Amino acid sequence: MNNARRALPILALTTGEPAGIGPEIALVAARAFCKDRPDFRLVLVGDMDLLRARARDGALAIELSPFSENPPAARNALEVLHVPLPIQAEPGRLDERNAPYVLATLDAAIDGALLGRFAGIVTAPVQKSIINAAGIPFTGHTEYLAERCRVPKVVMMLVGAGLRVALATTHLPLRAVADAITPHGLDATLSVLAFDLRHRFGVREPRILVCGLNPHAGEQGFLGREEIDTIEPAVARARALGLSVTGPLPADTLFQPKYLEQADAVLAMYHDQGLTVLKYASFGRGVNVTLGLPIVRTSVDHGTALDLAGRARADAGSMSAALETAAFMVQAAAGA
């Protein structure tokens, strides 16, 4: 039995900002996942003492076991890849001295996935502000993963409530968005999106709807020329390559059943254009997926919720959905 479990695919779950809700939602979701998915192993990546403390805070009767190639004898024990925390973390109180720890947990998971030790990684939320305050430039998980995996293009996509919404640009000031939407960027985004819908989600012939940037998709140039000069040509090039791509369509009317029923994903031009709709429909159950990586990566759709940390009130629904999505992607890729 132990040998059979040893051969199972392993998901690595990083526990995020130690002062936030990441450690506790990781514990809750991991316990449920290990119970419901005997076809996977799961390893928490974080400080063992921190996780024990958060289990006590939440009155969680959870056994923790050091991660090794041989699974623990107790099937209900959660495995932990120990990354030491420099300073004891207090729920709700950020400490710059723990910022390197957060990145160390990410690095441990990424390294394991790149080496084939882990089949995929799932990440709890981090506090970008405290990482930057510690003098470490950090835009977000998506950009960090791209740099660590040395890939030229990644795409952020959120999944929830039956929707898949990908982004042409990610964490940018609104003022910078129009300049960031380029022919090369859109070509690469559509290519990555179509490829991973096939190979990570099992969609044989992906159908993609593309949002316009401006109100009414530019109103034939009267409200901006980005649609005419950049987005429409990119859609035409994608079609010439055999992709099923429609657009640009006005974003304020695209998200309705008559369009969405004929699509497998929507490509929005900027962060709030697409994610406002998806998070309204699925907040607390949505999943953030990074496409274009050589590894599977998913995450939650929310932040660190410092005000809830350590109070046993955080909802682990998005984390559970992220684990299930990662497992689905691993199995879809294996069957591709």
Protein backbone atom coordinates (compact mmCIF):
# COMPACT_ATOMS: atom_id res chain seq x y z
CA MET A 1 0.00 0.00 0.00
CA ASN A 2 2.80 2.42 0.91
CA ASN A 3 4.59 1.66 -2.36
CA ALA A 4 1.40 2.44 -4.28
CA ARG A 5 1.06 5.80 -2.51
CA ARG A 6 4.71 6.54 -3.17
CA ALA A 7 3.99 6.40 -6.91
CA LEU A 8 1.07 8.84 -6.73
CA PRO A 9 1.42 12.34 -8.22
CA ILE A 10 2.25 14.95 -5.57
CA LEU A 11 0.83 18.45 -5.33
CA ALA A 12 2.85 21.03 -3.38
CA LEU A 13 0.82 23.62 -1.48
CA THR A 14 2.71 26.73 -0.36
CA THR A 15 1.24 28.30 2.77
CA GLY A 16 1.71 31.97 1.85
CA GLU A 17 2.08 35.00 4.11
CA PRO A 18 2.56 33.59 7.63
CA ALA A 19 0.57 36.41 9.26
CA GLY A 20 -2.39 35.92 6.93
CA ILE A 21 -5.01 33.24 6.47
CA GLY A 22 -2.85 31.14 4.15
CA PRO A 23 -1.57 28.63 6.70
CA GLU A 24 -5.02 27.90 8.18
CA ILE A 25 -6.91 27.61 4.87
CA ALA A 26 -4.09 25.42 3.60
CA LEU A 27 -4.56 23.08 6.56
CA VAL A 28 -8.35 22.91 6.18
CA ALA A 29 -8.31 22.41 2.42
CA ALA A 30 -5.42 19.94 2.53
CA ARG A 31 -7.20 17.75 5.07
CA ALA A 32 -10.32 17.60 2.89
CA PHE A 33 -8.34 17.02 -0.30
CA CYS A 34 -6.33 14.14 1.16
CA LYS A 35 -9.56 12.52 2.37
CA ASP A 36 -11.39 12.93 -0.94
CA ARG A 37 -8.54 12.33 -3.40
CA PRO A 38 -6.67 9.11 -2.60
CA ASP A 39 -5.26 9.29 -6.14
CA PHE A 40 -2.92 12.15 -5.10
CA ARG A 41 -0.41 12.98 -2.41
CA LEU A 42 -0.22 16.50 -1.05
CA VAL A 43 2.65 18.27 0.71
CA LEU A 44 2.35 21.56 2.57
CA VAL A 45 5.35 23.84 2.08
CA GLY A 46 6.00 26.00 5.13
CA ASP A 47 7.18 26.13 8.71
CA MET A 48 6.13 23.08 10.71
CA ASP A 49 5.76 24.99 14.01
CA LEU A 50 3.70 27.70 12.33
CA LEU A 51 1.32 25.11 10.92
CA ARG A 52 1.01 23.38 14.28
CA ALA A 53 0.19 26.73 15.92
CA ARG A 54 -2.48 27.55 13.31
CA ALA A 55 -3.98 24.09 13.73
CA ARG A 56 -4.26 24.77 17.47
CA ASP A 57 -5.75 28.22 16.84
CA GLY A 58 -8.44 26.65 14.70
CA ALA A 59 -9.00 23.65 16.98
CA LEU A 60 -8.02 21.41 14.08
CA ALA A 61 -7.10 17.87 15.07
CA ILE A 62 -4.51 17.43 12.33
CA GLU A 63 -1.41 15.27 12.44
CA LEU A 64 1.62 16.68 10.62
CA SER A 65 4.46 14.57 9.31
CA PRO A 66 7.79 15.57 7.67
CA PHE A 67 7.73 15.10 3.90
CA SER A 68 9.92 12.37 2.46
CA GLU A 69 9.93 10.09 -0.56
CA ASN A 70 8.20 7.48 1.60
CA PRO A 71 4.66 8.55 2.57
CA PRO A 72 3.78 8.50 6.28
CA ALA A 73 2.22 5.32 7.58
CA ALA A 74 -0.84 7.23 8.82
CA ARG A 75 -3.01 7.98 5.79
CA ASN A 76 -4.61 10.98 7.52
CA ALA A 77 -1.31 12.71 8.35
CA LEU A 78 -0.54 15.86 6.37
CA GLU A 79 2.96 15.94 4.94
CA VAL A 80 5.04 19.10 5.42
CA LEU A 81 8.13 20.19 3.54
CA HIS A 82 9.64 22.28 6.32
CA VAL A 83 10.90 25.76 5.46
CA PRO A 84 12.04 27.54 8.66
CA LEU A 85 10.36 30.82 9.58
CA PRO A 86 12.94 33.45 10.69
CA ILE A 87 10.63 35.25 13.13
CA GLN A 88 7.59 33.86 14.89
CA ALA A 89 4.52 35.10 13.04
CA GLU A 90 1.60 36.67 14.84
CA PRO A 91 -1.76 36.45 13.04
CA GLY A 92 -2.66 39.77 11.45
CA ARG A 93 0.72 41.44 12.05
CA LEU A 94 3.08 41.70 9.09
CA ASP A 95 6.82 41.52 9.63
CA GLU A 96 9.31 42.43 6.89
CA ARG A 97 11.81 39.96 8.32
CA ASN A 98 9.59 37.08 7.17
CA ALA A 99 9.40 38.25 3.54
CA PRO A 100 12.35 36.06 2.40
CA TYR A 101 10.60 33.06 3.97
CA VAL A 102 7.57 33.57 1.73
CA LEU A 103 9.74 33.47 -1.37
CA ALA A 104 11.69 30.50 0.02
CA THR A 105 8.48 28.45 0.20
CA LEU A 106 7.69 29.39 -3.40
CA ASP A 107 11.19 28.47 -4.51
CA ALA A 108 11.00 25.09 -2.79
CA ALA A 109 7.75 24.27 -4.55
CA ILE A 110 8.90 25.57 -7.94
CA ASP A 111 12.21 23.72 -7.73
CA GLY A 112 10.44 20.49 -6.85
CA ALA A 113 8.02 20.88 -9.75
CA LEU A 114 10.74 21.72 -12.28
CA LEU A 115 12.66 18.62 -11.16
CA GLY A 116 9.56 16.45 -11.58
CA ARG A 117 9.24 15.78 -7.87
CA PHE A 118 5.87 17.55 -7.75
CA ALA A 119 3.17 17.22 -10.39
CA GLY A 120 1.93 20.75 -9.73
CA ILE A 121 1.90 23.57 -7.21
CA VAL A 122 -0.91 25.44 -5.47
CA THR A 123 -0.19 28.74 -3.74
CA ALA A 124 -1.77 30.47 -0.76
CA PRO A 125 -1.97 34.28 -0.89
CA VAL A 126 1.06 36.47 -0.22
CA GLN A 127 1.27 40.12 0.84
CA LYS A 128 3.05 41.88 -2.03
CA SER A 129 3.41 45.12 -0.08
CA ILE A 130 5.47 43.59 2.73
CA ILE A 131 7.76 41.77 0.30
CA ASN A 132 8.46 45.04 -1.50
CA ALA A 133 8.84 46.86 1.82
CA ALA A 134 11.58 44.36 2.68
CA GLY A 135 13.50 45.56 -0.38
CA ILE A 136 12.59 42.62 -2.62
CA PRO A 137 11.00 43.70 -5.93
CA PHE A 138 7.87 41.57 -6.32
CA THR A 139 4.95 42.21 -8.68
CA GLY A 140 3.07 38.98 -7.99
CA HIS A 141 3.06 35.20 -8.20
CA THR A 142 2.42 35.22 -11.95
CA GLU A 143 5.45 37.32 -12.81
CA TYR A 144 7.66 35.55 -10.26
CA LEU A 145 6.80 32.14 -11.69
CA ALA A 146 7.55 33.32 -15.23
CA GLU A 147 10.99 34.50 -14.15
CA ARG A 148 11.79 31.37 -12.14
CA CYS A 149 10.62 29.06 -14.93
CA ARG A 150 12.40 31.16 -17.57
CA VAL A 151 9.47 31.39 -19.92
CA PRO A 152 8.93 34.41 -22.18
CA LYS A 153 5.16 34.56 -21.84
CA VAL A 154 2.66 33.57 -19.18
CA VAL A 155 -1.06 34.26 -19.04
CA MET A 156 -3.15 34.83 -15.92
CA MET A 157 -6.53 33.12 -16.07
CA LEU A 158 -9.23 32.86 -13.43
CA VAL A 159 -11.70 29.98 -13.36
CA GLY A 160 -15.01 29.95 -11.54
CA ALA A 161 -18.79 29.74 -11.89
CA GLY A 162 -18.38 28.02 -15.25
CA LEU A 163 -16.22 30.87 -16.59
CA ARG A 164 -12.61 31.01 -17.72
CA VAL A 165 -11.30 34.56 -18.03
CA ALA A 166 -7.73 35.19 -19.20
CA LEU A 167 -5.95 38.54 -19.20
CA ALA A 168 -3.97 40.28 -21.94
CA THR A 169 -2.32 42.46 -19.25
CA THR A 170 -2.09 41.79 -15.53
CA HIS A 171 -0.94 44.05 -12.69
CA LEU A 172 -0.60 47.43 -14.37
CA PRO A 173 -1.89 50.91 -13.63
CA LEU A 174 -4.88 51.61 -15.86
CA ARG A 175 -2.97 54.48 -17.47
CA ALA A 176 -0.40 51.98 -18.81
CA VAL A 177 -2.79 49.37 -20.19
CA ALA A 178 -3.32 50.70 -23.72
CA ASP A 179 0.42 50.91 -24.40
CA ALA A 180 0.91 47.37 -23.05
CA ILE A 181 -1.54 45.86 -25.56
CA THR A 182 0.71 45.10 -28.52
CA PRO A 183 0.43 42.89 -31.63
CA HIS A 184 3.18 40.58 -30.39
CA GLY A 185 1.69 40.42 -26.90
CA LEU A 186 -1.79 39.53 -28.14
CA ASP A 187 -0.42 36.92 -30.55
CA ALA A 188 1.54 35.28 -27.74
CA THR A 189 -1.38 35.46 -25.29
CA LEU A 190 -3.85 33.85 -27.68
CA SER A 191 -1.31 31.13 -28.55
CA VAL A 192 -0.62 30.28 -24.87
CA LEU A 193 -4.32 30.39 -24.00
CA ALA A 194 -5.34 28.05 -26.84
CA PHE A 195 -2.44 25.65 -26.16
CA ASP A 196 -3.14 25.29 -22.44
CA LEU A 197 -6.89 24.99 -22.93
CA ARG A 198 -6.07 21.96 -25.05
CA HIS A 199 -3.28 20.45 -22.99
CA ARG A 200 -4.16 21.47 -19.43
CA PHE A 201 -7.95 21.51 -19.62
CA GLY A 202 -8.70 18.89 -22.28
CA VAL A 203 -10.59 21.28 -24.61
CA ARG A 204 -9.93 19.86 -28.06
CA GLU A 205 -10.98 22.89 -30.12
CA PRO A 206 -10.93 25.94 -27.86
CA ARG A 207 -13.35 28.77 -28.63
CA ILE A 208 -12.13 32.13 -27.39
CA LEU A 209 -14.01 35.43 -27.11
CA VAL A 210 -11.89 38.59 -27.11
CA CYS A 211 -12.95 41.80 -25.36
CA GLY A 212 -12.39 45.20 -26.83
CA LEU A 213 -10.40 47.72 -24.82
CA ASN A 214 -12.61 50.77 -25.18
CA PRO A 215 -16.32 51.29 -24.47
CA HIS A 216 -18.44 49.69 -27.20
CA ALA A 217 -15.23 48.08 -28.55
CA GLY A 218 -14.12 51.48 -29.81
CA GLU A 219 -17.34 52.41 -31.64
CA GLN A 220 -15.63 51.92 -35.04
CA GLY A 221 -12.78 54.22 -34.06
CA PHE A 222 -14.79 57.05 -32.53
CA LEU A 223 -13.93 55.92 -28.98
CA GLY A 224 -10.37 54.77 -29.64
CA ARG A 225 -8.43 52.94 -32.34
CA GLU A 226 -6.90 50.08 -30.34
CA GLU A 227 -9.54 47.68 -31.62
CA ILE A 228 -8.95 48.62 -35.27
CA ASP A 229 -5.17 48.94 -35.13
CA THR A 230 -4.20 46.15 -32.72
CA ILE A 231 -6.93 43.81 -31.50
CA GLU A 232 -8.79 43.06 -34.75
CA PRO A 233 -5.55 42.21 -36.63
CA ALA A 234 -4.49 39.89 -33.80
CA VAL A 235 -7.84 38.09 -33.96
CA ALA A 236 -7.44 37.76 -37.74
CA ARG A 237 -3.94 36.30 -37.38
CA ALA A 238 -5.18 33.79 -34.80
CA ARG A 239 -7.96 32.69 -37.13
CA ALA A 240 -5.46 32.30 -39.96
CA LEU A 241 -3.62 29.86 -37.72
CA GLY A 242 -6.80 27.81 -37.30
CA LEU A 243 -7.88 29.09 -33.89
CA SER A 244 -11.54 29.74 -33.13
CA VAL A 245 -11.35 33.35 -31.95
CA THR A 246 -14.16 35.92 -32.00
CA GLY A 247 -13.88 39.64 -31.33
CA PRO A 248 -13.23 42.25 -30.31
CA LEU A 249 -16.60 42.43 -28.55
CA PRO A 250 -17.84 45.12 -26.15
CA ALA A 251 -16.92 43.98 -22.65
CA ASP A 252 -20.12 45.32 -21.10
CA THR A 253 -22.30 42.96 -23.17
CA LEU A 254 -19.98 40.01 -23.77
CA PHE A 255 -20.57 38.38 -20.38
CA GLN A 256 -24.04 37.03 -21.05
CA PRO A 257 -25.23 33.49 -21.81
CA LYS A 258 -25.80 33.93 -25.56
CA TYR A 259 -22.07 34.57 -25.98
CA LEU A 260 -20.59 32.56 -23.13
CA GLU A 261 -22.45 29.37 -24.07
CA GLN A 262 -20.47 29.38 -27.31
CA ALA A 263 -17.08 29.89 -25.69
CA ASP A 264 -14.47 28.03 -23.66
CA ALA A 265 -12.66 31.17 -22.46
CA VAL A 266 -12.78 34.95 -22.59
CA LEU A 267 -9.70 37.09 -23.12
CA ALA A 268 -10.07 40.43 -21.31
CA MET A 269 -7.73 43.32 -22.02
CA TYR A 270 -7.01 44.27 -18.42
CA HIS A 271 -7.38 43.03 -14.86
CA ASP A 272 -10.63 44.58 -13.66
CA GLN A 273 -12.37 44.33 -17.03
CA GLY A 274 -12.61 40.56 -16.78
CA LEU A 275 -12.08 39.72 -13.14
CA THR A 276 -14.79 41.95 -11.75
CA VAL A 277 -17.37 39.81 -13.53
CA LEU A 278 -15.79 36.50 -12.60
CA LYS A 279 -15.26 37.39 -8.95
CA TYR A 280 -18.81 38.66 -8.65
CA ALA A 281 -20.03 35.30 -9.92
CA SER A 282 -17.66 33.07 -7.98
CA PHE A 283 -15.77 34.91 -5.21
CA GLY A 284 -14.59 32.50 -2.57
CA ARG A 285 -14.72 29.63 -5.05
CA GLY A 286 -12.65 31.04 -7.92
CA VAL A 287 -9.21 29.80 -8.94
CA ASN A 288 -6.23 31.69 -10.34
CA VAL A 289 -4.32 29.67 -12.96
CA THR A 290 -0.99 30.56 -14.55
CA LEU A 291 -0.85 29.42 -18.17
CA GLY A 292 2.30 29.11 -20.27
CA LEU A 293 4.45 27.49 -17.58
CA PRO A 294 6.18 24.11 -17.88
CA ILE A 295 4.45 23.23 -14.58
CA VAL A 296 0.87 23.28 -13.28
CA ARG A 297 0.14 26.20 -10.96
CA THR A 298 -3.11 27.33 -9.37
CA SER A 299 -4.00 29.66 -6.53
CA VAL A 300 -6.86 31.25 -4.62
CA ASP A 301 -8.91 34.21 -5.87
CA HIS A 302 -8.40 36.33 -2.74
CA GLY A 303 -5.77 37.98 -0.58
CA THR A 304 -4.23 37.42 2.83
CA ALA A 305 -7.25 38.68 4.86
CA LEU A 306 -5.11 39.78 7.80
CA ASP A 307 -8.20 40.74 9.79
CA LEU A 308 -9.39 37.12 9.78
CA ALA A 309 -6.07 35.42 10.42
CA GLY A 310 -5.88 33.13 13.44
CA ARG A 311 -9.58 33.47 14.23
CA ALA A 312 -10.87 30.23 12.62
CA ARG A 313 -13.23 32.28 10.45
CA ALA A 314 -11.52 32.10 7.06
CA ASP A 315 -13.32 30.29 4.24
CA ALA A 316 -11.14 27.65 2.57
CA GLY A 317 -13.47 27.25 -0.42
CA SER A 318 -11.20 28.91 -2.97
CA MET A 319 -8.21 26.92 -1.74
CA SER A 320 -10.17 23.68 -2.07
CA ALA A 321 -11.18 24.69 -5.60
CA ALA A 322 -7.54 25.51 -6.43
CA LEU A 323 -6.45 22.05 -5.30
CA GLU A 324 -9.17 20.35 -7.32
CA THR A 325 -8.32 22.43 -10.40
CA ALA A 326 -4.64 21.57 -10.10
CA ALA A 327 -5.48 17.87 -9.83
CA PHE A 328 -7.75 18.14 -12.88
CA MET A 329 -5.01 19.88 -14.88
CA VAL A 330 -2.43 17.25 -13.93
CA GLN A 331 -4.73 14.46 -15.04
CA ALA A 332 -5.77 16.30 -18.23
CA ALA A 333 -2.12 16.83 -19.15
CA ALA A 334 -1.37 13.14 -18.53
CA GLY A 335 -4.22 12.17 -20.84
CA ALA A 336 -3.39 14.67 -23.59
